[in-house]
């Protein structure tokens, strides 16, 4: 799979994402449902702690990718939802720590929402991956 960044402007790179990416040569696509800070039984974890919830949501996303024999380097699109965008952005260094080693900055949208499906959850991340 070949990824070609498309960035008519470079400001988004400072925030950790490309404006777009041209993907060529992929043969498998994985559409991931939104991953949140829940345990293996679906019980919410880390009430009120945005940082811990982001970390666990990323752990859960990586688990889904792993089951499909993929990792974060395969992600070609992210959708992020947060009940407090400012608090999420304060903790976005976690995204860089996870994606940085893979040297990918997939196109991303971050949306502020009034709540997520399960009360107490603060952060949700969905992804499209390709291999």
N, C-alpha and C. Protein backbone atom coordinates (compact mmCIF):
# COMPACT_ATOMS: atom_id res chain seq x y z
N UNK A 1 0.85 -1.18 0.00
CA UNK A 1 0.00 0.00 0.00
C UNK A 1 0.89 1.24 0.00
N UNK A 2 0.58 2.18 -0.87
CA UNK A 2 1.34 3.42 -0.95
C UNK A 2 0.45 4.57 -0.50
N UNK A 3 0.98 5.41 0.40
CA UNK A 3 0.26 6.59 0.91
C UNK A 3 0.97 7.83 0.40
N UNK A 4 0.20 8.74 -0.19
CA UNK A 4 0.76 10.01 -0.64
C UNK A 4 0.00 11.13 0.04
N UNK A 5 0.67 11.90 0.91
CA UNK A 5 -0.02 13.01 1.58
C UNK A 5 -0.45 14.08 0.58
N UNK A 6 -1.60 14.67 0.84
CA UNK A 6 -2.11 15.79 0.04
C UNK A 6 -2.38 16.92 1.03
N UNK A 7 -1.53 17.94 0.99
CA UNK A 7 -1.62 19.05 1.93
C UNK A 7 -1.39 20.37 1.19
N UNK A 8 -2.47 20.99 0.69
CA UNK A 8 -2.28 22.29 0.06
C UNK A 8 -1.77 23.33 1.05
N UNK A 9 -1.97 23.08 2.34
CA UNK A 9 -1.47 23.93 3.42
C UNK A 9 -0.83 22.98 4.42
N UNK A 10 0.12 23.47 5.21
CA UNK A 10 0.81 22.57 6.15
C UNK A 10 0.38 22.75 7.60
N UNK A 11 -0.59 23.62 7.89
CA UNK A 11 -0.98 23.87 9.28
C UNK A 11 -1.50 22.63 9.98
N UNK A 12 -2.17 21.73 9.25
CA UNK A 12 -2.73 20.54 9.91
C UNK A 12 -1.64 19.58 10.38
N UNK A 13 -0.47 19.65 9.76
CA UNK A 13 0.62 18.76 10.19
C UNK A 13 1.03 19.06 11.63
N UNK A 14 0.93 20.33 12.03
CA UNK A 14 1.24 20.69 13.42
C UNK A 14 0.23 20.09 14.39
N UNK A 15 -0.95 19.74 13.91
CA UNK A 15 -1.97 19.12 14.74
C UNK A 15 -1.99 17.60 14.60
N UNK A 16 -1.13 17.07 13.74
CA UNK A 16 -0.97 15.63 13.64
C UNK A 16 -1.82 14.93 12.60
N UNK A 17 -2.24 15.65 11.54
CA UNK A 17 -2.97 14.96 10.50
C UNK A 17 -2.75 15.61 9.14
N UNK A 18 -2.92 14.81 8.09
CA UNK A 18 -2.89 15.30 6.72
C UNK A 18 -4.28 15.77 6.33
N UNK A 19 -4.33 16.72 5.39
CA UNK A 19 -5.62 17.14 4.84
C UNK A 19 -6.27 15.99 4.09
N UNK A 20 -5.47 15.21 3.39
CA UNK A 20 -5.96 14.05 2.64
C UNK A 20 -4.77 13.13 2.38
N UNK A 21 -5.06 11.92 1.97
CA UNK A 21 -4.03 10.99 1.55
C UNK A 21 -4.54 10.21 0.34
N UNK A 22 -3.69 10.07 -0.66
CA UNK A 22 -3.99 9.21 -1.80
C UNK A 22 -3.50 7.82 -1.42
N UNK A 23 -4.39 6.84 -1.46
CA UNK A 23 -4.05 5.47 -1.09
C UNK A 23 -4.06 4.63 -2.37
N UNK A 24 -2.94 3.95 -2.62
CA UNK A 24 -2.85 3.09 -3.80
C UNK A 24 -2.33 1.72 -3.40
N UNK A 25 -2.87 0.70 -4.01
CA UNK A 25 -2.36 -0.65 -3.82
C UNK A 25 -2.91 -1.42 -2.63
N UNK A 26 -3.91 -0.89 -1.95
CA UNK A 26 -4.51 -1.62 -0.84
C UNK A 26 -5.40 -2.74 -1.34
N UNK A 27 -5.43 -3.85 -0.59
CA UNK A 27 -6.27 -4.98 -1.00
C UNK A 27 -7.32 -5.35 0.04
N UNK A 28 -7.13 -4.90 1.29
CA UNK A 28 -8.11 -5.19 2.36
C UNK A 28 -8.46 -3.88 3.05
N UNK A 29 -9.76 -3.69 3.32
CA UNK A 29 -10.21 -2.50 4.04
C UNK A 29 -10.96 -2.94 5.29
N UNK A 30 -10.68 -2.25 6.39
CA UNK A 30 -11.33 -2.53 7.68
C UNK A 30 -12.03 -1.26 8.14
N UNK A 31 -13.33 -1.35 8.39
CA UNK A 31 -14.10 -0.23 8.91
C UNK A 31 -14.33 -0.52 10.39
N UNK A 32 -13.75 0.30 11.26
CA UNK A 32 -13.83 0.07 12.71
C UNK A 32 -14.94 0.93 13.31
N UNK A 33 -15.78 0.32 14.12
CA UNK A 33 -16.76 1.06 14.90
C UNK A 33 -16.02 1.93 15.90
N UNK A 34 -16.71 2.92 16.42
CA UNK A 34 -16.11 3.79 17.41
C UNK A 34 -15.64 3.01 18.63
N UNK A 35 -14.40 3.26 19.02
CA UNK A 35 -13.81 2.60 20.19
C UNK A 35 -13.76 3.60 21.34
N UNK A 36 -14.12 3.12 22.51
CA UNK A 36 -14.21 3.97 23.69
C UNK A 36 -13.45 3.34 24.84
N UNK A 37 -13.57 3.95 26.00
CA UNK A 37 -12.88 3.47 27.21
C UNK A 37 -13.78 2.49 27.95
N UNK A 38 -13.90 1.29 27.38
CA UNK A 38 -14.67 0.23 28.03
C UNK A 38 -13.77 -0.98 28.21
N UNK A 39 -14.14 -1.82 29.18
CA UNK A 39 -13.39 -3.05 29.38
C UNK A 39 -13.94 -4.14 28.47
N UNK A 40 -13.46 -5.36 28.63
CA UNK A 40 -13.85 -6.47 27.76
C UNK A 40 -15.33 -6.83 27.85
N UNK A 41 -15.99 -6.38 28.90
CA UNK A 41 -17.43 -6.64 29.04
C UNK A 41 -18.27 -5.47 28.56
N UNK A 42 -17.63 -4.38 28.14
CA UNK A 42 -18.34 -3.20 27.68
C UNK A 42 -18.64 -2.19 28.77
N UNK A 43 -18.08 -2.41 29.96
CA UNK A 43 -18.32 -1.50 31.09
C UNK A 43 -17.41 -0.27 30.97
N UNK A 44 -17.97 0.93 31.07
CA UNK A 44 -17.15 2.15 31.00
C UNK A 44 -16.09 2.18 32.10
N UNK A 45 -14.93 2.73 31.74
CA UNK A 45 -13.80 2.83 32.66
C UNK A 45 -13.36 4.29 32.78
N UNK A 46 -12.68 4.60 33.85
CA UNK A 46 -12.05 5.91 34.08
C UNK A 46 -13.03 7.09 34.02
N UNK A 47 -14.09 7.06 34.82
CA UNK A 47 -15.06 8.17 34.79
C UNK A 47 -14.39 9.52 35.08
N UNK A 48 -14.70 10.50 34.25
CA UNK A 48 -14.20 11.85 34.44
C UNK A 48 -12.75 12.08 34.06
N UNK A 49 -12.05 11.06 33.57
CA UNK A 49 -10.61 11.17 33.26
C UNK A 49 -10.40 11.06 31.75
N UNK A 50 -10.39 12.21 31.07
CA UNK A 50 -10.25 12.23 29.61
C UNK A 50 -8.97 11.53 29.16
N UNK A 51 -7.85 11.80 29.82
CA UNK A 51 -6.58 11.22 29.40
C UNK A 51 -6.62 9.69 29.46
N UNK A 52 -7.11 9.16 30.56
CA UNK A 52 -7.19 7.71 30.70
C UNK A 52 -8.18 7.12 29.69
N UNK A 53 -9.26 7.84 29.42
CA UNK A 53 -10.22 7.33 28.44
C UNK A 53 -9.65 7.33 27.03
N UNK A 54 -8.90 8.36 26.67
CA UNK A 54 -8.26 8.38 25.35
C UNK A 54 -7.29 7.20 25.24
N UNK A 55 -6.50 6.99 26.25
CA UNK A 55 -5.52 5.90 26.24
C UNK A 55 -6.19 4.54 26.07
N UNK A 56 -7.26 4.30 26.82
CA UNK A 56 -7.95 3.01 26.72
C UNK A 56 -8.67 2.87 25.39
N UNK A 57 -9.25 3.94 24.87
CA UNK A 57 -9.90 3.89 23.56
C UNK A 57 -8.87 3.52 22.49
N UNK A 58 -7.67 4.07 22.58
CA UNK A 58 -6.60 3.73 21.63
C UNK A 58 -6.16 2.28 21.82
N UNK A 59 -6.08 1.81 23.07
CA UNK A 59 -5.77 0.39 23.31
C UNK A 59 -6.80 -0.49 22.61
N UNK A 60 -8.08 -0.13 22.77
CA UNK A 60 -9.16 -0.93 22.19
C UNK A 60 -9.11 -0.88 20.66
N UNK A 61 -8.79 0.29 20.10
CA UNK A 61 -8.64 0.38 18.65
C UNK A 61 -7.50 -0.51 18.17
N UNK A 62 -6.39 -0.48 18.89
CA UNK A 62 -5.27 -1.34 18.50
C UNK A 62 -5.62 -2.81 18.61
N UNK A 63 -6.46 -3.20 19.56
CA UNK A 63 -6.88 -4.59 19.69
C UNK A 63 -7.73 -5.02 18.50
N UNK A 64 -8.63 -4.14 18.05
CA UNK A 64 -9.45 -4.45 16.88
C UNK A 64 -8.56 -4.59 15.65
N UNK A 65 -7.63 -3.66 15.47
CA UNK A 65 -6.71 -3.73 14.34
C UNK A 65 -5.90 -5.02 14.38
N UNK A 66 -5.42 -5.37 15.55
CA UNK A 66 -4.60 -6.58 15.71
C UNK A 66 -5.37 -7.84 15.30
N UNK A 67 -6.64 -7.90 15.69
CA UNK A 67 -7.45 -9.05 15.30
C UNK A 67 -7.63 -9.16 13.80
N UNK A 68 -7.46 -8.05 13.09
CA UNK A 68 -7.54 -8.04 11.63
C UNK A 68 -6.15 -8.09 11.00
N UNK A 69 -5.14 -8.40 11.82
CA UNK A 69 -3.74 -8.46 11.37
C UNK A 69 -3.29 -7.12 10.78
N UNK A 70 -3.63 -6.04 11.50
CA UNK A 70 -3.22 -4.69 11.12
C UNK A 70 -2.74 -3.97 12.36
N UNK A 71 -2.22 -2.75 12.17
CA UNK A 71 -1.84 -1.90 13.29
C UNK A 71 -2.14 -0.45 12.93
N UNK A 72 -1.72 0.48 13.76
CA UNK A 72 -2.03 1.88 13.52
C UNK A 72 -1.49 2.40 12.19
N UNK A 73 -0.44 1.76 11.66
CA UNK A 73 0.11 2.21 10.38
C UNK A 73 -0.85 1.98 9.23
N UNK A 74 -1.85 1.13 9.43
CA UNK A 74 -2.82 0.84 8.39
C UNK A 74 -3.99 1.82 8.35
N UNK A 75 -4.10 2.67 9.36
CA UNK A 75 -5.25 3.58 9.41
C UNK A 75 -5.12 4.66 8.35
N UNK A 76 -6.20 4.83 7.59
CA UNK A 76 -6.21 5.84 6.52
C UNK A 76 -7.22 6.96 6.80
N UNK A 77 -8.03 6.83 7.86
CA UNK A 77 -9.03 7.87 8.19
C UNK A 77 -9.46 7.69 9.63
N UNK A 78 -9.55 8.82 10.37
CA UNK A 78 -10.01 8.81 11.76
C UNK A 78 -11.19 9.77 11.94
N UNK A 79 -12.13 9.34 12.75
CA UNK A 79 -13.20 10.21 13.23
C UNK A 79 -13.12 10.20 14.75
N UNK A 80 -13.03 11.37 15.35
CA UNK A 80 -12.88 11.48 16.80
C UNK A 80 -14.03 12.32 17.34
N UNK A 81 -14.62 11.83 18.43
CA UNK A 81 -15.73 12.51 19.08
C UNK A 81 -15.38 12.72 20.55
N UNK A 82 -15.61 13.93 21.04
CA UNK A 82 -15.27 14.22 22.44
C UNK A 82 -16.36 15.10 23.05
N UNK A 83 -16.66 14.83 24.30
CA UNK A 83 -17.66 15.65 25.00
C UNK A 83 -17.06 16.99 25.43
N UNK A 84 -15.74 17.09 25.42
CA UNK A 84 -15.04 18.34 25.74
C UNK A 84 -13.83 18.43 24.82
N UNK A 85 -13.96 19.17 23.73
CA UNK A 85 -12.91 19.25 22.73
C UNK A 85 -11.63 19.83 23.32
N UNK A 86 -11.75 20.88 24.12
CA UNK A 86 -10.55 21.48 24.70
C UNK A 86 -9.79 20.48 25.56
N UNK A 87 -10.50 19.72 26.36
CA UNK A 87 -9.85 18.72 27.22
C UNK A 87 -9.23 17.61 26.37
N UNK A 88 -9.91 17.21 25.31
CA UNK A 88 -9.36 16.19 24.41
C UNK A 88 -8.07 16.69 23.78
N UNK A 89 -8.09 17.93 23.29
CA UNK A 89 -6.90 18.48 22.65
C UNK A 89 -5.72 18.60 23.62
N UNK A 90 -5.99 18.88 24.88
CA UNK A 90 -4.91 18.93 25.89
C UNK A 90 -4.21 17.59 26.01
N UNK A 91 -4.91 16.53 25.63
CA UNK A 91 -4.37 15.18 25.78
C UNK A 91 -4.05 14.51 24.44
N UNK A 92 -4.04 15.30 23.37
CA UNK A 92 -3.78 14.73 22.05
C UNK A 92 -2.33 14.31 21.87
N UNK A 93 -1.47 14.63 22.82
CA UNK A 93 -0.11 14.10 22.76
C UNK A 93 -0.14 12.57 22.76
N UNK A 94 -1.18 11.99 23.36
CA UNK A 94 -1.33 10.54 23.35
C UNK A 94 -1.47 10.01 21.92
N UNK A 95 -2.17 10.76 21.08
CA UNK A 95 -2.32 10.35 19.68
C UNK A 95 -0.95 10.34 19.01
N UNK A 96 -0.18 11.39 19.24
CA UNK A 96 1.16 11.47 18.66
C UNK A 96 2.06 10.35 19.15
N UNK A 97 1.96 10.02 20.44
CA UNK A 97 2.78 8.93 20.99
C UNK A 97 2.44 7.60 20.36
N UNK A 98 1.17 7.40 20.03
CA UNK A 98 0.76 6.12 19.43
C UNK A 98 1.04 6.08 17.93
N UNK A 99 0.69 7.15 17.22
CA UNK A 99 0.83 7.15 15.77
C UNK A 99 2.25 7.49 15.31
N UNK A 100 2.97 8.29 16.10
CA UNK A 100 4.31 8.72 15.72
C UNK A 100 5.25 7.60 15.33
N UNK A 101 5.37 6.56 16.14
CA UNK A 101 6.29 5.47 15.78
C UNK A 101 5.95 4.80 14.44
N UNK A 102 4.68 4.92 14.03
CA UNK A 102 4.26 4.32 12.76
C UNK A 102 4.45 5.28 11.59
N UNK A 103 4.81 6.54 11.90
CA UNK A 103 5.06 7.56 10.89
C UNK A 103 3.86 7.76 9.96
N UNK A 104 2.67 7.79 10.55
CA UNK A 104 1.45 8.08 9.78
C UNK A 104 0.70 9.23 10.45
N UNK A 105 0.09 10.05 9.64
CA UNK A 105 -0.74 11.17 10.11
C UNK A 105 -2.03 11.16 9.29
N UNK A 106 -2.90 10.18 9.54
CA UNK A 106 -4.09 10.03 8.70
C UNK A 106 -5.03 11.23 8.79
N UNK A 107 -5.77 11.49 7.71
CA UNK A 107 -6.79 12.52 7.77
C UNK A 107 -7.74 12.24 8.93
N UNK A 108 -8.16 13.31 9.60
CA UNK A 108 -8.94 13.15 10.83
C UNK A 108 -9.95 14.28 10.96
N UNK A 109 -11.08 13.95 11.57
CA UNK A 109 -12.06 14.95 11.96
C UNK A 109 -12.29 14.80 13.45
N UNK A 110 -12.28 15.92 14.18
CA UNK A 110 -12.57 15.94 15.61
C UNK A 110 -13.85 16.74 15.81
N UNK A 111 -14.84 16.10 16.42
CA UNK A 111 -16.12 16.74 16.66
C UNK A 111 -16.44 16.79 18.14
N UNK A 112 -16.98 17.90 18.58
CA UNK A 112 -17.49 18.02 19.93
C UNK A 112 -18.94 17.57 19.95
N UNK A 113 -19.28 16.74 20.92
CA UNK A 113 -20.65 16.22 21.05
C UNK A 113 -21.15 16.46 22.47
N UNK A 114 -22.45 16.50 22.64
CA UNK A 114 -22.99 16.72 23.98
C UNK A 114 -22.86 15.49 24.85
N UNK A 115 -22.91 14.30 24.24
CA UNK A 115 -22.68 13.06 24.97
C UNK A 115 -22.44 11.94 23.98
N UNK A 116 -21.91 10.85 24.49
CA UNK A 116 -21.72 9.65 23.68
C UNK A 116 -22.81 8.64 24.05
N UNK A 117 -22.85 7.52 23.35
CA UNK A 117 -23.94 6.55 23.53
C UNK A 117 -24.05 6.03 24.96
N UNK A 118 -22.91 5.82 25.60
CA UNK A 118 -22.90 5.28 26.96
C UNK A 118 -22.57 6.41 27.93
N UNK A 119 -23.46 6.68 28.89
CA UNK A 119 -23.18 7.75 29.85
C UNK A 119 -21.82 7.56 30.53
N UNK A 120 -21.12 8.67 30.72
CA UNK A 120 -19.81 8.63 31.38
C UNK A 120 -18.64 8.58 30.43
N UNK A 121 -18.89 8.18 29.19
CA UNK A 121 -17.80 8.16 28.22
C UNK A 121 -17.57 9.56 27.69
N UNK A 122 -16.29 9.91 27.52
CA UNK A 122 -15.90 11.26 27.12
C UNK A 122 -15.29 11.33 25.73
N UNK A 123 -14.84 10.18 25.20
CA UNK A 123 -14.02 10.15 23.99
C UNK A 123 -14.33 8.89 23.20
N UNK A 124 -14.43 9.04 21.88
CA UNK A 124 -14.65 7.90 20.99
C UNK A 124 -13.86 8.13 19.72
N UNK A 125 -13.26 7.05 19.22
CA UNK A 125 -12.44 7.15 18.00
C UNK A 125 -12.83 6.02 17.06
N UNK A 126 -13.16 6.39 15.82
CA UNK A 126 -13.46 5.40 14.80
C UNK A 126 -12.41 5.50 13.70
N UNK A 127 -12.21 4.42 12.99
CA UNK A 127 -11.12 4.39 12.01
C UNK A 127 -11.49 3.56 10.80
N UNK A 128 -10.86 3.93 9.70
CA UNK A 128 -10.85 3.10 8.50
C UNK A 128 -9.39 2.73 8.27
N UNK A 129 -9.15 1.44 8.05
CA UNK A 129 -7.79 0.96 7.85
C UNK A 129 -7.72 0.19 6.53
N UNK A 130 -6.54 0.14 5.96
CA UNK A 130 -6.35 -0.56 4.70
C UNK A 130 -4.98 -1.24 4.71
N UNK A 131 -4.94 -2.40 4.12
CA UNK A 131 -3.67 -3.13 3.98
C UNK A 131 -3.57 -3.67 2.58
